Protein backbone atom coordinates (compact mmCIF):
# COMPACT_ATOMS: atom_id res chain seq x y z
CA MET A 1 0.18 -0.05 0.45
CA SER A 2 1.37 3.52 -1.02
CA ARG A 3 2.06 6.41 1.48
CA THR A 4 -0.67 8.00 -0.23
CA THR A 5 -3.36 5.34 -0.18
CA LEU A 6 -2.47 5.16 3.61
CA ALA A 7 -2.76 8.29 4.51
CA LEU A 8 -6.16 8.75 3.12
CA VAL A 9 -7.43 5.31 4.86
CA LEU A 10 -5.85 6.65 8.12
CA ALA A 11 -8.10 10.13 7.54
CA ALA A 12 -11.23 8.65 6.27
CA THR A 13 -10.61 6.57 9.76
CA GLY A 14 -9.98 9.03 11.77
CA ALA A 15 -13.26 10.99 10.42
CA PHE A 16 -15.11 7.98 10.72
CA LEU A 17 -14.18 7.89 14.78
CA LEU A 18 -14.40 11.59 15.27
CA THR A 19 -18.10 11.45 13.63
CA MET A 20 -19.27 8.47 15.35
CA VAL A 21 -18.34 9.29 19.07
CA PRO A 22 -21.59 11.54 19.58
CA LEU A 23 -23.59 9.43 17.64
CA MET A 24 -22.47 6.79 19.90
CA ARG A 25 -23.79 8.88 22.82
CA TRP A 26 -27.22 9.43 21.03
CA HIS A 27 -27.81 5.93 19.89
CA VAL A 28 -27.19 4.14 23.59
CA SER A 29 -29.39 7.25 24.98
CA ALA A 30 -31.95 6.25 22.64
CA ARG A 31 -32.13 2.46 22.58
CA VAL A 32 -30.94 2.06 26.23
CA PHE A 33 -31.84 4.52 28.34
CA VAL A 34 -35.53 3.73 28.48
CA ALA A 35 -37.78 1.68 30.41
CA PRO A 36 -38.56 -1.67 28.53
CA LEU A 37 -41.84 -2.21 27.04
CA GLU A 38 -41.87 -6.09 28.31
CA GLN A 39 -41.97 -5.96 32.11
CA GLN A 40 -42.98 -9.29 34.20
CA THR A 41 -41.14 -8.27 38.02
CA MET A 42 -41.89 -9.28 41.21
CA THR A 43 -40.46 -7.51 44.61
CA ARG A 44 -41.33 -7.80 48.29
CA SER A 45 -41.35 -6.14 51.24
CA VAL A 46 -41.29 -7.45 55.01
CA ALA A 47 -42.58 -6.02 58.08
CA GLU A 48 -40.63 -8.64 60.49
CA SER A 49 -43.35 -7.58 63.61
CA ALA A 50 -46.66 -5.78 62.88
CA THR A 51 -49.69 -5.11 64.58
CA TYR A 52 -52.93 -5.02 61.90
CA LEU A 53 -56.62 -5.98 62.12
CA ASP A 54 -57.26 -9.68 60.57
CA PRO A 55 -60.81 -8.67 58.44
CA ALA A 56 -61.24 -12.07 58.38
CA THR A 57 -61.90 -12.83 62.36
CA MET A 58 -62.28 -8.72 63.20
CA LYS A 59 -59.59 -8.98 65.39
CA PRO A 60 -56.64 -6.86 66.11
CA GLN A 61 -53.08 -9.99 65.48
CA ARG A 62 -49.58 -9.34 65.72
CA GLY A 63 -46.64 -11.43 63.54
CA PRO A 64 -45.13 -10.83 60.23
CA LEU A 65 -46.99 -9.55 57.22
CA VAL A 66 -45.32 -9.48 53.64
CA LEU A 67 -46.01 -6.39 50.79
CA THR A 68 -45.98 -8.02 47.36
CA ARG A 69 -45.72 -5.94 44.24
CA TRP A 70 -46.09 -7.31 40.49
CA LEU A 71 -45.41 -5.15 37.76
CA ILE A 72 -46.49 -6.73 34.12
CA GLY A 73 -45.62 -4.87 30.79
CA ASP A 74 -48.51 -4.35 27.97
CA VAL A 75 -46.02 -4.71 25.09
CA LEU A 76 -48.77 -3.90 22.23
CA ALA A 77 -49.77 -0.73 24.23
CA GLY A 78 -46.64 0.85 24.34
CA ASP A 79 -44.35 3.02 21.44
CA GLU A 80 -41.01 4.25 21.46
CA ARG A 81 -42.42 6.90 23.78
CA ARG A 82 -44.45 5.55 26.65
CA ALA A 83 -44.48 2.33 28.23
CA VAL A 84 -47.89 0.68 29.43
CA TRP A 85 -47.50 -1.27 32.79
CA THR A 86 -50.35 -2.69 35.49
CA GLU A 87 -48.94 -3.03 39.11
CA SER A 88 -50.49 -5.26 41.66
CA VAL A 89 -49.63 -5.01 45.10
CA SER A 90 -50.84 -7.35 47.77
CA LEU A 91 -50.93 -6.96 51.41
CA ALA A 92 -50.70 -10.44 53.49
CA THR A 93 -49.44 -13.03 56.29
CA ARG A 94 -46.78 -14.93 55.98
CA ASP A 95 -48.93 -17.94 55.37
CA ASP A 96 -50.38 -15.90 52.91
CA ARG A 97 -54.12 -14.80 53.79
CA ARG A 98 -54.33 -11.91 52.16
CA LEU A 99 -55.33 -8.69 53.98
CA ASP A 100 -55.14 -5.70 51.36
CA TYR A 101 -55.16 -5.80 47.55
CA HIS A 102 -54.63 -2.76 44.91
CA GLU A 103 -54.11 -2.81 41.43
CA ARG A 104 -53.90 0.28 38.69
CA ARG A 105 -52.96 0.39 34.95
CA LEU A 106 -51.11 3.41 33.71
CA ALA A 107 -48.80 4.34 30.95
CA PHE A 108 -45.64 6.25 31.73
CA ASP A 109 -42.67 8.02 29.77
CA ARG A 110 -40.14 6.15 29.33
CA ARG A 111 -37.27 8.23 29.78
CA THR A 112 -38.65 10.84 32.91
CA GLY A 113 -41.20 7.90 34.47
CA VAL A 114 -43.31 10.54 34.44
CA ILE A 115 -46.94 9.17 34.28
CA VAL A 116 -49.08 9.88 30.63
CA ASN A 117 -52.71 10.03 30.95
CA CYS A 118 -53.81 7.44 28.56
CA CYS A 119 -54.34 4.04 27.34
CA GLY A 120 -56.54 2.58 29.44
CA GLU A 121 -55.06 3.97 32.80
CA TYR A 122 -57.25 2.68 36.09
CA LEU A 123 -56.83 2.45 39.85
CA ASP A 124 -58.78 -0.19 41.72
CA GLU A 125 -60.85 -0.59 38.82
CA ASP A 126 -61.89 3.31 38.68
CA ALA A 127 -60.76 4.93 35.41
CA ARG A 128 -61.67 8.22 36.80
CA ILE A 129 -59.02 8.72 38.86
CA LYS A 130 -56.11 11.12 36.91
CA GLN A 131 -52.63 9.63 38.29
CA SER A 132 -49.73 12.16 38.24
CA GLY A 133 -45.95 12.35 39.07
CA GLN A 134 -43.66 9.62 38.95
CA ALA A 135 -45.24 6.26 38.48
CA TYR A 136 -42.66 2.98 38.99
CA ARG A 137 -38.98 4.45 38.63
CA TRP A 138 -37.44 7.88 38.41
CA PRO A 139 -35.82 9.48 35.69
CA PHE A 140 -32.73 8.05 34.10
CA GLY A 141 -29.89 10.46 35.40
CA ALA A 142 -31.90 11.32 38.53
CA GLU A 143 -31.03 14.39 39.95
CA PRO A 144 -30.37 15.78 43.71
CA ARG A 145 -33.92 17.13 43.78
CA ASP A 146 -37.61 16.68 45.10
CA TYR A 147 -39.77 15.29 43.11
CA THR A 148 -43.91 14.42 43.21
CA LEU A 149 -44.59 10.80 43.67
CA PHE A 150 -48.37 9.05 43.34
CA ASP A 151 -49.48 7.16 45.90
CA LEU A 152 -51.54 4.01 45.18
CA ARG A 153 -52.87 4.29 49.31
CA LEU A 154 -53.94 8.24 49.13
CA ARG A 155 -54.78 8.08 45.53
CA ARG A 156 -52.73 11.31 44.89
CA ALA A 157 -49.72 12.30 44.51
CA VAL A 158 -47.58 13.51 47.27
CA PRO A 159 -44.38 15.00 47.42
CA VAL A 160 -40.89 13.51 47.91
CA THR A 161 -37.89 14.62 49.29
CA TYR A 162 -34.20 14.77 48.40
CA GLU A 163 -32.40 13.79 51.40
CA GLY A 164 -28.58 13.37 50.06
CA VAL A 165 -26.58 10.60 49.03
CA GLU A 166 -26.18 7.03 50.80
CA ARG A 167 -24.61 3.73 49.78
CA VAL A 168 -26.34 0.01 49.26
CA ARG A 169 -24.56 -2.52 49.37
CA GLY A 170 -21.26 -0.60 48.00
CA VAL A 171 -23.49 1.65 45.32
CA GLU A 172 -23.91 5.19 45.67
CA THR A 173 -27.69 6.11 45.85
CA HIS A 174 -29.81 8.80 46.39
CA ARG A 175 -32.29 9.12 48.96
CA TYR A 176 -35.22 10.55 49.07
CA ALA A 177 -38.65 10.60 51.60
CA GLN A 178 -41.99 10.92 51.52
CA ARG A 179 -43.20 12.00 54.87
CA THR A 180 -47.05 12.91 54.76
CA PRO A 181 -48.64 13.21 57.76
CA ARG A 182 -52.36 11.95 58.93
CA GLN A 183 -54.76 12.00 56.03
CA LEU A 184 -58.16 10.43 55.20
CA VAL A 185 -57.86 7.62 53.10
CA PRO A 186 -60.39 7.40 49.93
CA GLY A 187 -63.03 5.11 49.59
CA GLU A 188 -65.73 3.56 51.71
CA GLN A 189 -64.79 1.40 54.98
CA PRO A 190 -66.81 -1.38 56.10
CA PRO A 191 -68.51 -0.98 59.53
CA VAL A 192 -66.63 -2.99 62.22
CA PRO A 193 -67.38 -3.92 65.83
CA ARG A 194 -68.03 -1.22 68.71
CA ARG A 195 -66.20 -3.53 70.86
CA LEU A 196 -62.77 -3.05 69.04
CA LEU A 197 -63.12 0.48 68.96
CA GLY A 198 -63.62 0.94 72.92
CA LEU A 199 -66.93 1.76 72.20
CA LYS A 200 -69.90 0.59 74.72
CA GLY A 201 -73.51 -1.49 73.57
CA ALA A 202 -73.43 -4.47 70.84
CA GLY A 203 -73.91 -4.23 66.94
CA ASP A 204 -71.09 -2.30 64.37
CA VAL A 205 -70.42 1.74 63.59
CA GLY A 206 -69.49 2.84 61.05
CA VAL A 207 -65.91 4.11 60.70
CA ALA A 208 -63.21 6.10 58.57
CA ARG A 209 -59.42 5.38 57.55
CA TYR A 210 -56.53 7.14 58.23
CA ALA A 211 -52.83 6.85 57.22
CA GLU A 212 -49.93 7.95 58.22
CA ILE A 213 -46.69 7.02 55.84
CA ARG A 214 -43.04 7.33 56.27
CA ARG A 215 -41.47 6.45 53.34
CA THR A 216 -37.95 6.34 52.01
CA PHE A 217 -36.24 5.58 48.21
CA TRP A 218 -33.05 4.57 47.69
CA VAL A 219 -32.46 5.27 44.07
CA GLU A 220 -29.61 4.30 41.80
CA PRO A 221 -29.26 7.91 40.19
CA VAL A 222 -27.98 6.77 36.50
CA SER A 223 -30.93 4.14 35.87
CA GLY A 224 -33.45 5.74 38.39
CA LEU A 225 -34.49 2.88 39.93
CA PRO A 226 -35.46 2.25 43.48
CA VAL A 227 -33.19 -0.15 44.07
CA LYS A 228 -34.04 -0.26 48.02
CA THR A 229 -37.62 1.22 50.17
CA ALA A 230 -38.49 1.78 53.51
CA ASP A 231 -41.85 2.00 54.10
CA ARG A 232 -43.29 2.91 57.81
CA VAL A 233 -47.47 2.74 57.92
CA THR A 234 -50.01 3.47 60.48
CA GLU A 235 -53.22 3.32 59.69
CA THR A 236 -55.87 4.40 62.03
CA LEU A 237 -59.80 3.40 62.42
CA VAL A 238 -62.20 6.26 63.49
CA THR A 239 -65.70 7.03 64.30
CA ALA A 240 -67.14 10.42 62.95
CA ASP A 241 -67.02 11.99 66.01
CA GLY A 242 -63.65 10.58 67.07
CA SER A 243 -64.89 8.77 69.76
CA GLY A 244 -64.08 5.24 69.10
CA ARG A 245 -60.42 4.61 67.31
CA LEU A 246 -58.37 1.05 66.29
CA VAL A 247 -55.04 1.05 64.75
CA ALA A 248 -55.83 -1.28 61.91
CA LEU A 249 -52.19 -1.62 60.24
CA ASP A 250 -48.72 -0.33 62.09
CA ALA A 251 -46.22 -1.97 60.21
CA ASP A 252 -42.20 -0.71 59.02
CA PHE A 253 -41.82 -2.73 55.88
CA THR A 254 -38.26 -2.91 54.19
CA THR A 255 -36.81 -4.55 50.65
CA ALA A 256 -36.52 -7.77 50.78
CA ALA A 257 -32.28 -8.51 50.52
CA GLY A 258 -32.15 -10.82 47.47
CA ASP A 259 -34.80 -8.13 45.79
CA VAL A 260 -32.30 -5.28 46.75
CA ARG A 261 -29.50 -7.69 44.97
CA ALA A 262 -31.62 -8.15 41.57
CA ALA A 263 -32.56 -4.19 41.57
CA LEU A 264 -28.80 -3.90 42.39
CA GLU A 265 -27.54 -5.85 39.48
CA THR A 266 -30.13 -4.57 36.50
CA ALA A 267 -28.86 -1.24 38.26
CA ALA A 268 -25.48 -1.89 37.00
CA PHE A 269 -26.70 -2.61 33.78
CA TYR A 270 -27.12 0.83 33.11
CA ARG A 271 -23.91 2.10 34.87
CA ARG A 272 -21.55 0.32 32.45
CA TRP A 273 -23.58 1.64 29.36
CA GLU A 274 -23.16 4.92 30.73
CA LEU A 275 -19.37 4.32 31.25
CA ILE A 276 -19.00 3.36 27.58
CA ALA A 277 -21.26 6.05 26.31
CA GLY A 278 -19.82 8.57 28.47
CA THR A 279 -16.44 7.66 28.78
CA VAL A 280 -14.94 4.88 27.44
CA ALA A 281 -16.11 5.65 23.97
CA PRO A 282 -15.70 9.50 24.15
CA VAL A 283 -11.94 9.65 25.35
CA GLY A 284 -11.04 6.33 23.20
CA GLY A 285 -12.42 6.70 20.22
CA GLY A 286 -11.51 10.66 20.34
CA LEU A 287 -7.70 9.86 20.82
CA LEU A 288 -8.01 7.22 18.37
CA GLY A 289 -9.53 9.25 15.65
CA ALA A 290 -7.49 12.37 16.52
CA GLY A 291 -4.43 9.77 16.25
CA CYS A 292 -5.81 8.75 12.75
CA VAL A 293 -6.15 12.03 11.47
CA ALA A 294 -2.77 13.03 12.74
CA ALA A 295 -1.03 10.17 11.28
CA ALA A 296 -2.86 11.11 8.22
CA LEU A 297 -1.41 14.85 8.03
CA TRP A 298 2.11 13.70 8.89
CA LEU A 299 1.97 11.12 5.54
CA ALA A 300 0.74 14.03 3.29
CA ARG A 301 3.19 16.42 4.36
CA ARG A 302 6.01 13.68 3.45
CA ARG A 303 4.78 13.27 0.06
CA SER A 304 3.93 16.59 -0.52
CA PRO A 305 6.50 18.22 -3.73
CA ALA A 306 7.76 20.89 -1.32
CA ALA A 307 8.75 17.97 0.96
CA GLN A 308 10.11 16.81 -2.04
CA ASP A 309 11.97 19.46 -2.74
CA GLN A 310 13.44 19.22 0.43
CA GLN A 311 15.16 15.98 -0.23
CA GLN A 312 18.69 15.70 -2.50
CA VAL A 313 18.72 12.83 -3.81
CA PRO A 314 22.27 11.42 -4.02
CA GLY A 315 22.52 10.25 -7.52
CA ASP A 316 21.87 13.89 -8.40
CA GLU A 317 24.35 14.91 -6.29
CA LEU A 318 27.32 12.87 -8.15
CA ALA A 319 25.93 13.93 -11.53
CA ASP A 320 25.77 17.84 -10.45
CA ALA A 321 29.77 17.30 -9.37
CA ARG A 322 30.75 15.50 -12.90
């Protein structure tokens, strides 16, 4: 291969590499850093010692509770910009006696995680409820600032406050907190026996349910995934006149250790791509591309007419001497 051909090849290779650096970043961002359309996961949070009202026996109980959450994606309803998932949340005892259940369907932006009102959304079979805020995740590249999250129990958007950086199993996360004071829980509540509320007389009495929630999320910022959640919930049944009350739920839930590991592994996938697209490709491709272009210019200069005129051929010197 001649020097001229080699110079052209190096120049083309260098230009290609320098052009591909920003394209690589854009391609990875558009194809990798989006929530998947297809989703089928289950996570569990456990309260080792909880107080609760057993709806089957209408008696206060104490023991471990498990909060199980399923996420199922509707691939056909999603597109390049939005994903549509169904979430089911079940509260049960350790021996699978169900105490509570909620289900919702919604669409959300695949990059930001913000809820989009469309696509047959509902919450507990009620399609009139308009959900807003973050859905199942934070944005890719979650920022150290406050966000708004939709709360299933309260059926409304609530603020979550950024509290700082904290490591979970050695991985740096952003810690966000939801601190919701005592609030009325929407929906009808079945009457309960008067004796459970400390009231005299026989029969049942109508009550309202109030909830106080202290929830903490540990979010891996590159992926926007909550890798761990601590959920302290206190629910109280109160009569209309406030004379009778009963703690219906007092539990401190924490994400199961195996589910924390699984979430961190998923987050690590996005961190690796961030390293490739944000550091390895730009630095490596930029240096290699610049090196190819510099080498091409050096070869072209050595073969230019001006460079050749400066070279003296030994045979010509002998001819001039004669």
